[in-house]
Structure formats: structure tokens, C-alpha cells
Amino acid sequence: MIGQKFLFLNYYKQIPVSYDATLLNVEKEMAEFTVHEYQAKIINIQRQALIYSHHLSPFSEDICGDAFYVNSSKKRAILCRFGFVRVRSVMRNYVRVHLDTPLEVALLFAGDTIFGNIQDISISGASIQIMTRDLLEPGLEINLRLKLPDIYNKKITEVETRATIVRLLGNKAPFNCIVEFQPDKYPQQQLSHYIHQRQVEIIKELKSINA
């Protein structure tokens, strides 16, 4: 297996970072790889890496390994303590981004309004932190009103879109409300524009990390 390529996978603020890595050496249950510089930076932060199983992989399941040694300038990583995992995030249909500054949102339903903060978002849904879950339940259809900042033009665009509550997580405040969007064309365009800008921000931040 020495010299074989493996597909590494990490997530940085919900953005996938995935490059090929080449196996250099195996000794005492440790495996040394040459890795991409950006992959090494994230492995050094998270202290682990996922090895994604695809149709050409020697393994039928995804693998997670802990970082023993990482050097981004030398593009080297040594992993240990391997175990099989299931990487469900690769089944996402849309790019999801984490927000450093939560986005304020209003949940509108049956004459009531609950305010919350979006923690991460994609074109198809969002994770919203709320302080009360009274009157909310999975399957409830609501309207979401949010103000999207334009990072480059310094403008605020208010949009409203239909959504369905998928899950409510937590036994005490703050709760996590997972929603699925059903946007019309205009809200979808504005959400897509905002998410793309945030994605560019995250990639720039990744490139600037000294690790």
C-alpha cells in the first residue's frame, strides 16, 4: 500500500477541504502521508482527519485517524488510532457555511414571531439558535424573514422565504431549530449570493492560517 493515494476530508467552518494524500510509511500502527498544505493546516487545528472511502479505495468504509504529527510547510502528516466512521456530510446537496457573526432571523407563524440567530446556512436550510421552542414542532411551516449583508457593497437585503421545521434540539435554552427552505426565485438568488460571499471569506481565511 506504500505509495497509494487516499482521499482526505476535513471541514473548516462547514466548507469541505479534501485533497489526495499519498501513503509514505506505516510503522507501529502509525501511518505517514504527504498531504496538501491546506489539508495539513486543518488537520493541525482539528487534530484528526477523515479518509473518505470511494469506489477505488482499498477500504469499504470511511476511516478517522488522530493526528500524531503535522507539518504544513513540509506537507506531512502522521496519523494514528484509526477507526471506522460514517461520513454523512458528503451526502449534502448544497454548500453549507458557518457564520462567525450569527445572522438575525424572525420566525413567523400563526400570528406569532420568534427571533433567533442563524449559526450556519445553505441554500436549502439553516441551523437557528432560539431561546424558546413554545408552539414550535417538527413539520410546522413558517416564514423566515432575514436581513442579508452584502460584504462588498455594504448593503443589507431583506428577504422572506417559506420554510419547514425539521428538528428541534436541546432540553433547555438556547435550542437549535433546524429548518428546510422552500424559497422562491428572488430569495433563492439572494441566499445564493450571500452564501457564495461567505464561502469566499472562509477560503481566504483558510489560506492565511499559519499552522
C-alpha atoms as a PDB file:
ATOM      1  CA  MET A   1       0.000   0.000   0.000  1.00  0.00           C
ATOM      2  CA  ILE A   2       3.028   2.313   0.200  1.00  0.00           C
ATOM      3  CA  GLY A   3       2.637   4.957  -2.482  1.00  0.00           C
ATOM      4  CA  GLN A   4      -1.116   4.546  -2.665  1.00  0.00           C
ATOM      5  CA  LYS A   5      -3.320   7.636  -2.744  1.00  0.00           C
ATOM      6  CA  PHE A   6      -6.139   8.244  -0.276  1.00  0.00           C
ATOM      7  CA  LEU A   7      -8.785  10.961  -0.276  1.00  0.00           C
ATOM      8  CA  PHE A   8      -8.560  13.028   2.917  1.00  0.00           C
ATOM      9  CA  LEU A   9     -11.521  15.047   4.157  1.00  0.00           C
ATOM     10  CA  ASN A  10     -11.877  17.754   6.790  1.00  0.00           C
ATOM     11  CA  TYR A  11     -14.390  20.560   7.247  1.00  0.00           C
ATOM     12  CA  TYR A  12     -13.415  24.133   8.009  1.00  0.00           C
ATOM     13  CA  LYS A  13     -16.413  26.217   9.081  1.00  0.00           C
ATOM     14  CA  GLN A  14     -18.590  23.708   7.195  1.00  0.00           C
ATOM     15  CA  ILE A  15     -16.578  24.061   3.959  1.00  0.00           C
ATOM     16  CA  PRO A  16     -15.102  20.714   2.814  1.00  0.00           C
ATOM     17  CA  VAL A  17     -11.317  20.591   2.486  1.00  0.00           C
ATOM     18  CA  SER A  18     -10.483  17.462   0.535  1.00  0.00           C
ATOM     19  CA  TYR A  19      -7.283  16.552  -1.292  1.00  0.00           C
ATOM     20  CA  ASP A  20      -5.431  13.371  -2.190  1.00  0.00           C
ATOM     21  CA  ALA A  21      -2.774  12.175   0.242  1.00  0.00           C
ATOM     22  CA  THR A  22      -0.035   9.646  -0.517  1.00  0.00           C
ATOM     23  CA  LEU A  23       0.948   6.956   1.974  1.00  0.00           C
ATOM     24  CA  LEU A  24       4.700   7.096   2.678  1.00  0.00           C
ATOM     25  CA  ASN A  25       5.244   4.731   5.564  1.00  0.00           C
ATOM     26  CA  VAL A  26       3.498   2.525   8.134  1.00  0.00           C
ATOM     27  CA  GLU A  27       5.157   1.756  11.457  1.00  0.00           C
ATOM     28  CA  LYS A  28       3.812   0.781  14.889  1.00  0.00           C
ATOM     29  CA  GLU A  29       0.181   1.463  13.938  1.00  0.00           C
ATOM     30  CA  MET A  30       1.107   4.912  12.624  1.00  0.00           C
ATOM     31  CA  ALA A  31       0.818   5.990   9.003  1.00  0.00           C
ATOM     32  CA  GLU A  32       2.759   8.834   7.420  1.00  0.00           C
ATOM     33  CA  PHE A  33       1.304  10.719   4.453  1.00  0.00           C
ATOM     34  CA  THR A  34       2.231  13.536   2.137  1.00  0.00           C
ATOM     35  CA  VAL A  35      -0.731  15.901   2.225  1.00  0.00           C
ATOM     36  CA  HIS A  36      -1.836  19.167   0.661  1.00  0.00           C
ATOM     37  CA  GLU A  37      -0.763  22.282   2.550  1.00  0.00           C
ATOM     38  CA  TYR A  38      -4.371  23.337   3.261  1.00  0.00           C
ATOM     39  CA  GLN A  39      -5.261  19.845   4.447  1.00  0.00           C
ATOM     40  CA  ALA A  40      -2.301  19.916   6.827  1.00  0.00           C
ATOM     41  CA  LYS A  41      -3.418  23.261   8.248  1.00  0.00           C
ATOM     42  CA  ILE A  42      -6.861  21.940   9.120  1.00  0.00           C
ATOM     43  CA  ILE A  43      -5.553  18.629  10.457  1.00  0.00           C
ATOM     44  CA  ASN A  44      -3.256  20.602  12.741  1.00  0.00           C
ATOM     45  CA  ILE A  45      -6.219  22.589  14.086  1.00  0.00           C
ATOM     46  CA  GLN A  46      -8.663  19.698  14.422  1.00  0.00           C
ATOM     47  CA  ARG A  47      -6.053  17.052  15.318  1.00  0.00           C
ATOM     48  CA  GLN A  48      -7.741  14.435  13.174  1.00  0.00           C
ATOM     49  CA  ALA A  49      -8.543  13.610   9.562  1.00  0.00           C
ATOM     50  CA  LEU A  50     -11.164  11.603   7.746  1.00  0.00           C
ATOM     51  CA  ILE A  51     -10.209   9.253   4.946  1.00  0.00           C
ATOM     52  CA  TYR A  52     -13.136   9.021   2.583  1.00  0.00           C
ATOM     53  CA  SER A  53     -13.963   5.647   1.050  1.00  0.00           C
ATOM     54  CA  HIS A  54     -14.866   5.745  -2.655  1.00  0.00           C
ATOM     55  CA  HIS A  55     -15.115   3.060  -5.326  1.00  0.00           C
ATOM     56  CA  LEU A  56     -11.321   2.939  -5.835  1.00  0.00           C
ATOM     57  CA  SER A  57     -10.460   2.859  -2.123  1.00  0.00           C
ATOM     58  CA  PRO A  58      -8.912  -0.245  -0.534  1.00  0.00           C
ATOM     59  CA  PHE A  59     -11.428   0.121   2.320  1.00  0.00           C
ATOM     60  CA  SER A  60     -15.182  -0.254   2.115  1.00  0.00           C
ATOM     61  CA  GLU A  61     -15.813   2.174   4.990  1.00  0.00           C
ATOM     62  CA  ASP A  62     -14.671   5.681   5.867  1.00  0.00           C
ATOM     63  CA  ILE A  63     -11.807   5.948   8.363  1.00  0.00           C
ATOM     64  CA  CYS A  64     -10.927   8.531  11.007  1.00  0.00           C
ATOM     65  CA  GLY A  65      -7.409   8.940  12.336  1.00  0.00           C
ATOM     66  CA  ASP A  66      -5.946  11.130  15.082  1.00  0.00           C
ATOM     67  CA  ALA A  67      -3.038  13.430  14.300  1.00  0.00           C
ATOM     68  CA  PHE A  68       0.282  12.448  15.881  1.00  0.00           C
ATOM     69  CA  TYR A  69       2.446  14.838  13.849  1.00  0.00           C
ATOM     70  CA  VAL A  70       1.581  17.551  11.317  1.00  0.00           C
ATOM     71  CA  ASN A  71       3.801  19.966   9.399  1.00  0.00           C
ATOM     72  CA  SER A  72       2.041  22.112   6.806  1.00  0.00           C
ATOM     73  CA  SER A  73       5.243  23.580   5.350  1.00  0.00           C
ATOM     74  CA  LYS A  74       6.656  20.088   4.768  1.00  0.00           C
ATOM     75  CA  LYS A  75       3.203  18.801   3.757  1.00  0.00           C
ATOM     76  CA  ARG A  76       3.491  15.831   6.087  1.00  0.00           C
ATOM     77  CA  ALA A  77       1.040  14.232   8.492  1.00  0.00           C
ATOM     78  CA  ILE A  78       1.327  11.156  10.698  1.00  0.00           C
ATOM     79  CA  LEU A  79      -1.967   9.627  11.832  1.00  0.00           C
ATOM     80  CA  CYS A  80      -2.697   7.023  14.495  1.00  0.00           C
ATOM     81  CA  ARG A  81      -5.587   5.446  16.421  1.00  0.00           C
ATOM     82  CA  PHE A  82      -7.628   4.665  13.319  1.00  0.00           C
ATOM     83  CA  GLY A  83     -11.281   3.701  13.443  1.00  0.00           C
ATOM     84  CA  PHE A  84     -14.155   3.204  11.023  1.00  0.00           C
ATOM     85  CA  VAL A  85     -16.732   6.011  10.793  1.00  0.00           C
ATOM     86  CA  ARG A  86     -19.616   7.043   8.569  1.00  0.00           C
ATOM     87  CA  VAL A  87     -19.185  10.446   6.904  1.00  0.00           C
ATOM     88  CA  ARG A  88     -22.778  11.571   6.354  1.00  0.00           C
ATOM     89  CA  SER A  89     -21.843  15.150   5.476  1.00  0.00           C
ATOM     90  CA  VAL A  90     -20.688  14.087   2.000  1.00  0.00           C
ATOM     91  CA  MET A  91     -24.352  13.441   1.163  1.00  0.00           C
ATOM     92  CA  ARG A  92     -25.126  17.162   1.313  1.00  0.00           C
ATOM     93  CA  ASN A  93     -26.522  18.519  -1.928  1.00  0.00           C
ATOM     94  CA  TYR A  94     -25.539  22.138  -1.260  1.00  0.00           C
ATOM     95  CA  VAL A  95     -22.615  24.060   0.200  1.00  0.00           C
ATOM     96  CA  ARG A  96     -23.129  24.929   3.873  1.00  0.00           C
ATOM     97  CA  VAL A  97     -21.244  27.750   5.597  1.00  0.00           C
ATOM     98  CA  HIS A  98     -20.687  28.577   9.252  1.00  0.00           C
ATOM     99  CA  LEU A  99     -21.269  32.201  10.260  1.00  0.00           C
ATOM    100  CA  ASP A 100     -18.735  33.860  12.550  1.00  0.00           C
ATOM    101  CA  THR A 101     -21.300  36.593  13.173  1.00  0.00           C
ATOM    102  CA  PRO A 102     -24.749  34.994  13.607  1.00  0.00           C
ATOM    103  CA  LEU A 103     -27.458  36.297  11.281  1.00  0.00           C
ATOM    104  CA  GLU A 104     -30.595  37.602  12.952  1.00  0.00           C
ATOM    105  CA  VAL A 105     -33.819  35.996  11.722  1.00  0.00           C
ATOM    106  CA  ALA A 106     -37.521  36.213  12.537  1.00  0.00           C
ATOM    107  CA  LEU A 107     -39.646  33.046  12.534  1.00  0.00           C
ATOM    108  CA  LEU A 108     -43.212  33.997  11.602  1.00  0.00           C
ATOM    109  CA  PHE A 109     -46.122  31.604  12.151  1.00  0.00           C
ATOM    110  CA  ALA A 110     -49.818  31.791  13.091  1.00  0.00           C
ATOM    111  CA  GLY A 111     -49.613  35.437  14.116  1.00  0.00           C
ATOM    112  CA  ASP A 112     -46.590  34.846  16.374  1.00  0.00           C
ATOM    113  CA  THR A 113     -42.934  35.780  15.956  1.00  0.00           C
ATOM    114  CA  ILE A 114     -39.845  34.199  17.459  1.00  0.00           C
ATOM    115  CA  PHE A 115     -36.432  35.782  16.938  1.00  0.00           C
ATOM    116  CA  GLY A 116     -33.278  33.771  16.560  1.00  0.00           C
ATOM    117  CA  ASN A 117     -29.742  33.672  15.176  1.00  0.00           C
ATOM    118  CA  ILE A 118     -28.621  31.585  12.207  1.00  0.00           C
ATOM    119  CA  GLN A 119     -25.450  29.655  13.048  1.00  0.00           C
ATOM    120  CA  ASP A 120     -24.900  28.023   9.662  1.00  0.00           C
ATOM    121  CA  ILE A 121     -26.785  28.129   6.389  1.00  0.00           C
ATOM    122  CA  SER A 122     -27.089  26.591   2.932  1.00  0.00           C
ATOM    123  CA  ILE A 123     -29.400  27.296   0.015  1.00  0.00           C
ATOM    124  CA  SER A 124     -31.640  24.503   1.291  1.00  0.00           C
ATOM    125  CA  GLY A 125     -31.806  25.188   5.030  1.00  0.00           C
ATOM    126  CA  ALA A 126     -30.287  26.562   8.207  1.00  0.00           C
ATOM    127  CA  SER A 127     -29.500  25.899  11.848  1.00  0.00           C
ATOM    128  CA  ILE A 128     -31.111  28.570  14.033  1.00  0.00           C
ATOM    129  CA  GLN A 129     -30.453  29.230  17.712  1.00  0.00           C
ATOM    130  CA  ILE A 130     -33.631  30.233  19.555  1.00  0.00           C
ATOM    131  CA  MET A 131     -34.420  30.909  23.215  1.00  0.00           C
ATOM    132  CA  THR A 132     -37.890  29.343  23.230  1.00  0.00           C
ATOM    133  CA  ARG A 133     -39.461  26.428  21.405  1.00  0.00           C
ATOM    134  CA  ASP A 134     -43.012  27.058  22.586  1.00  0.00           C
ATOM    135  CA  LEU A 135     -45.559  26.415  19.817  1.00  0.00           C
ATOM    136  CA  LEU A 136     -42.841  25.026  17.525  1.00  0.00           C
ATOM    137  CA  GLU A 137     -42.805  21.426  16.354  1.00  0.00           C
ATOM    138  CA  PRO A 138     -41.274  19.404  13.511  1.00  0.00           C
ATOM    139  CA  GLY A 139     -43.311  19.710  10.335  1.00  0.00           C
ATOM    140  CA  LEU A 140     -44.563  23.212  11.151  1.00  0.00           C
ATOM    141  CA  GLU A 141     -44.497  25.506   8.117  1.00  0.00           C
ATOM    142  CA  ILE A 142     -43.252  29.013   8.862  1.00  0.00           C
ATOM    143  CA  ASN A 143     -41.968  32.130   7.143  1.00  0.00           C
ATOM    144  CA  LEU A 144     -38.424  33.315   7.766  1.00  0.00           C
ATOM    145  CA  ARG A 145     -37.514  36.969   7.479  1.00  0.00           C
ATOM    146  CA  LEU A 146     -33.834  37.765   7.440  1.00  0.00           C
ATOM    147  CA  LYS A 147     -31.507  40.613   6.522  1.00  0.00           C
ATOM    148  CA  LEU A 148     -28.589  39.515   4.370  1.00  0.00           C
ATOM    149  CA  PRO A 149     -25.486  41.726   4.444  1.00  0.00           C
ATOM    150  CA  ASP A 150     -23.567  42.253   1.211  1.00  0.00           C
ATOM    151  CA  ILE A 151     -19.952  42.019   2.308  1.00  0.00           C
ATOM    152  CA  TYR A 152     -18.575  44.008  -0.619  1.00  0.00           C
ATOM    153  CA  ASN A 153     -21.261  46.641  -1.244  1.00  0.00           C
ATOM    154  CA  LYS A 154     -22.051  47.201   2.456  1.00  0.00           C
ATOM    155  CA  LYS A 155     -25.766  46.845   1.760  1.00  0.00           C
ATOM    156  CA  ILE A 156     -28.490  44.971   3.601  1.00  0.00           C
ATOM    157  CA  THR A 157     -31.091  42.996   1.648  1.00  0.00           C
ATOM    158  CA  GLU A 158     -34.224  41.850   3.448  1.00  0.00           C
ATOM    159  CA  VAL A 159     -35.719  38.610   2.197  1.00  0.00           C
ATOM    160  CA  GLU A 160     -38.552  36.382   3.309  1.00  0.00           C
ATOM    161  CA  THR A 161     -38.867  32.722   2.464  1.00  0.00           C
ATOM    162  CA  ARG A 162     -41.074  29.800   3.341  1.00  0.00           C
ATOM    163  CA  ALA A 163     -39.538  27.062   5.484  1.00  0.00           C
ATOM    164  CA  THR A 164     -40.414  23.877   7.346  1.00  0.00           C
ATOM    165  CA  ILE A 165     -39.099  22.952  10.786  1.00  0.00           C
ATOM    166  CA  VAL A 166     -37.246  19.640  10.502  1.00  0.00           C
ATOM    167  CA  ARG A 167     -35.869  19.156  14.021  1.00  0.00           C
ATOM    168  CA  LEU A 168     -35.763  20.881  17.403  1.00  0.00           C
ATOM    169  CA  LEU A 169     -32.705  20.059  19.505  1.00  0.00           C
ATOM    170  CA  GLY A 170     -31.945  20.732  23.158  1.00  0.00           C
ATOM    171  CA  ASN A 171     -33.661  20.336  26.513  1.00  0.00           C
ATOM    172  CA  LYS A 172     -33.085  23.902  27.667  1.00  0.00           C
ATOM    173  CA  ALA A 173     -32.391  27.285  26.080  1.00  0.00           C
ATOM    174  CA  PRO A 174     -30.749  28.046  23.776  1.00  0.00           C
ATOM    175  CA  PHE A 175     -32.417  25.498  21.492  1.00  0.00           C
ATOM    176  CA  ASN A 176     -31.328  24.554  17.998  1.00  0.00           C
ATOM    177  CA  CYS A 177     -34.017  24.740  15.305  1.00  0.00           C
ATOM    178  CA  ILE A 178     -33.214  23.014  12.012  1.00  0.00           C
ATOM    179  CA  VAL A 179     -35.257  24.314   9.090  1.00  0.00           C
ATOM    180  CA  GLU A 180     -35.574  23.433   5.421  1.00  0.00           C
ATOM    181  CA  PHE A 181     -36.163  26.252   2.934  1.00  0.00           C
ATOM    182  CA  GLN A 182     -38.688  26.403   0.106  1.00  0.00           C
ATOM    183  CA  PRO A 183     -37.520  29.696  -1.414  1.00  0.00           C
ATOM    184  CA  ASP A 184     -38.980  31.455  -4.414  1.00  0.00           C
ATOM    185  CA  LYS A 185     -36.634  32.665  -7.141  1.00  0.00           C
ATOM    186  CA  TYR A 186     -35.695  36.054  -5.637  1.00  0.00           C
ATOM    187  CA  PRO A 187     -34.941  34.831  -2.072  1.00  0.00           C
ATOM    188  CA  GLN A 188     -33.019  31.907  -3.540  1.00  0.00           C
ATOM    189  CA  GLN A 189     -30.846  34.243  -5.616  1.00  0.00           C
ATOM    190  CA  GLN A 190     -30.125  36.457  -2.604  1.00  0.00           C
ATOM    191  CA  LEU A 191     -29.330  33.486  -0.357  1.00  0.00           C
ATOM    192  CA  SER A 192     -27.038  32.022  -3.007  1.00  0.00           C
ATOM    193  CA  HIS A 193     -25.200  35.335  -3.364  1.00  0.00           C
ATOM    194  CA  TYR A 194     -24.740  35.677   0.398  1.00  0.00           C
ATOM    195  CA  ILE A 195     -23.539  32.082   0.830  1.00  0.00           C
ATOM    196  CA  HIS A 196     -21.053  32.452  -2.033  1.00  0.00           C
ATOM    197  CA  GLN A 197     -19.575  35.585  -0.434  1.00  0.00           C
ATOM    198  CA  ARG A 198     -19.245  33.798   2.893  1.00  0.00           C
ATOM    199  CA  GLN A 199     -17.634  30.816   1.177  1.00  0.00           C
ATOM    200  CA  VAL A 200     -15.019  33.098  -0.415  1.00  0.00           C
ATOM    201  CA  GLU A 201     -14.327  34.649   3.011  1.00  0.00           C
ATOM    202  CA  ILE A 202     -13.754  31.239   4.599  1.00  0.00           C
ATOM    203  CA  ILE A 203     -11.418  30.094   1.819  1.00  0.00           C
ATOM    204  CA  LYS A 204      -9.350  33.290   2.166  1.00  0.00           C
ATOM    205  CA  GLU A 205      -9.158  32.717   5.915  1.00  0.00           C
ATOM    206  CA  LEU A 206      -8.034  29.126   5.388  1.00  0.00           C
ATOM    207  CA  LYS A 207      -5.245  30.208   3.062  1.00  0.00           C
ATOM    208  CA  SER A 208      -3.987  32.743   5.611  1.00  0.00           C
ATOM    209  CA  ILE A 209      -3.782  30.301   8.544  1.00  0.00           C
ATOM    210  CA  ASN A 210      -0.290  29.825   9.908  1.00  0.00           C
ATOM    211  CA  ALA A 211      -0.211  26.260  11.147  1.00  0.00           C
END
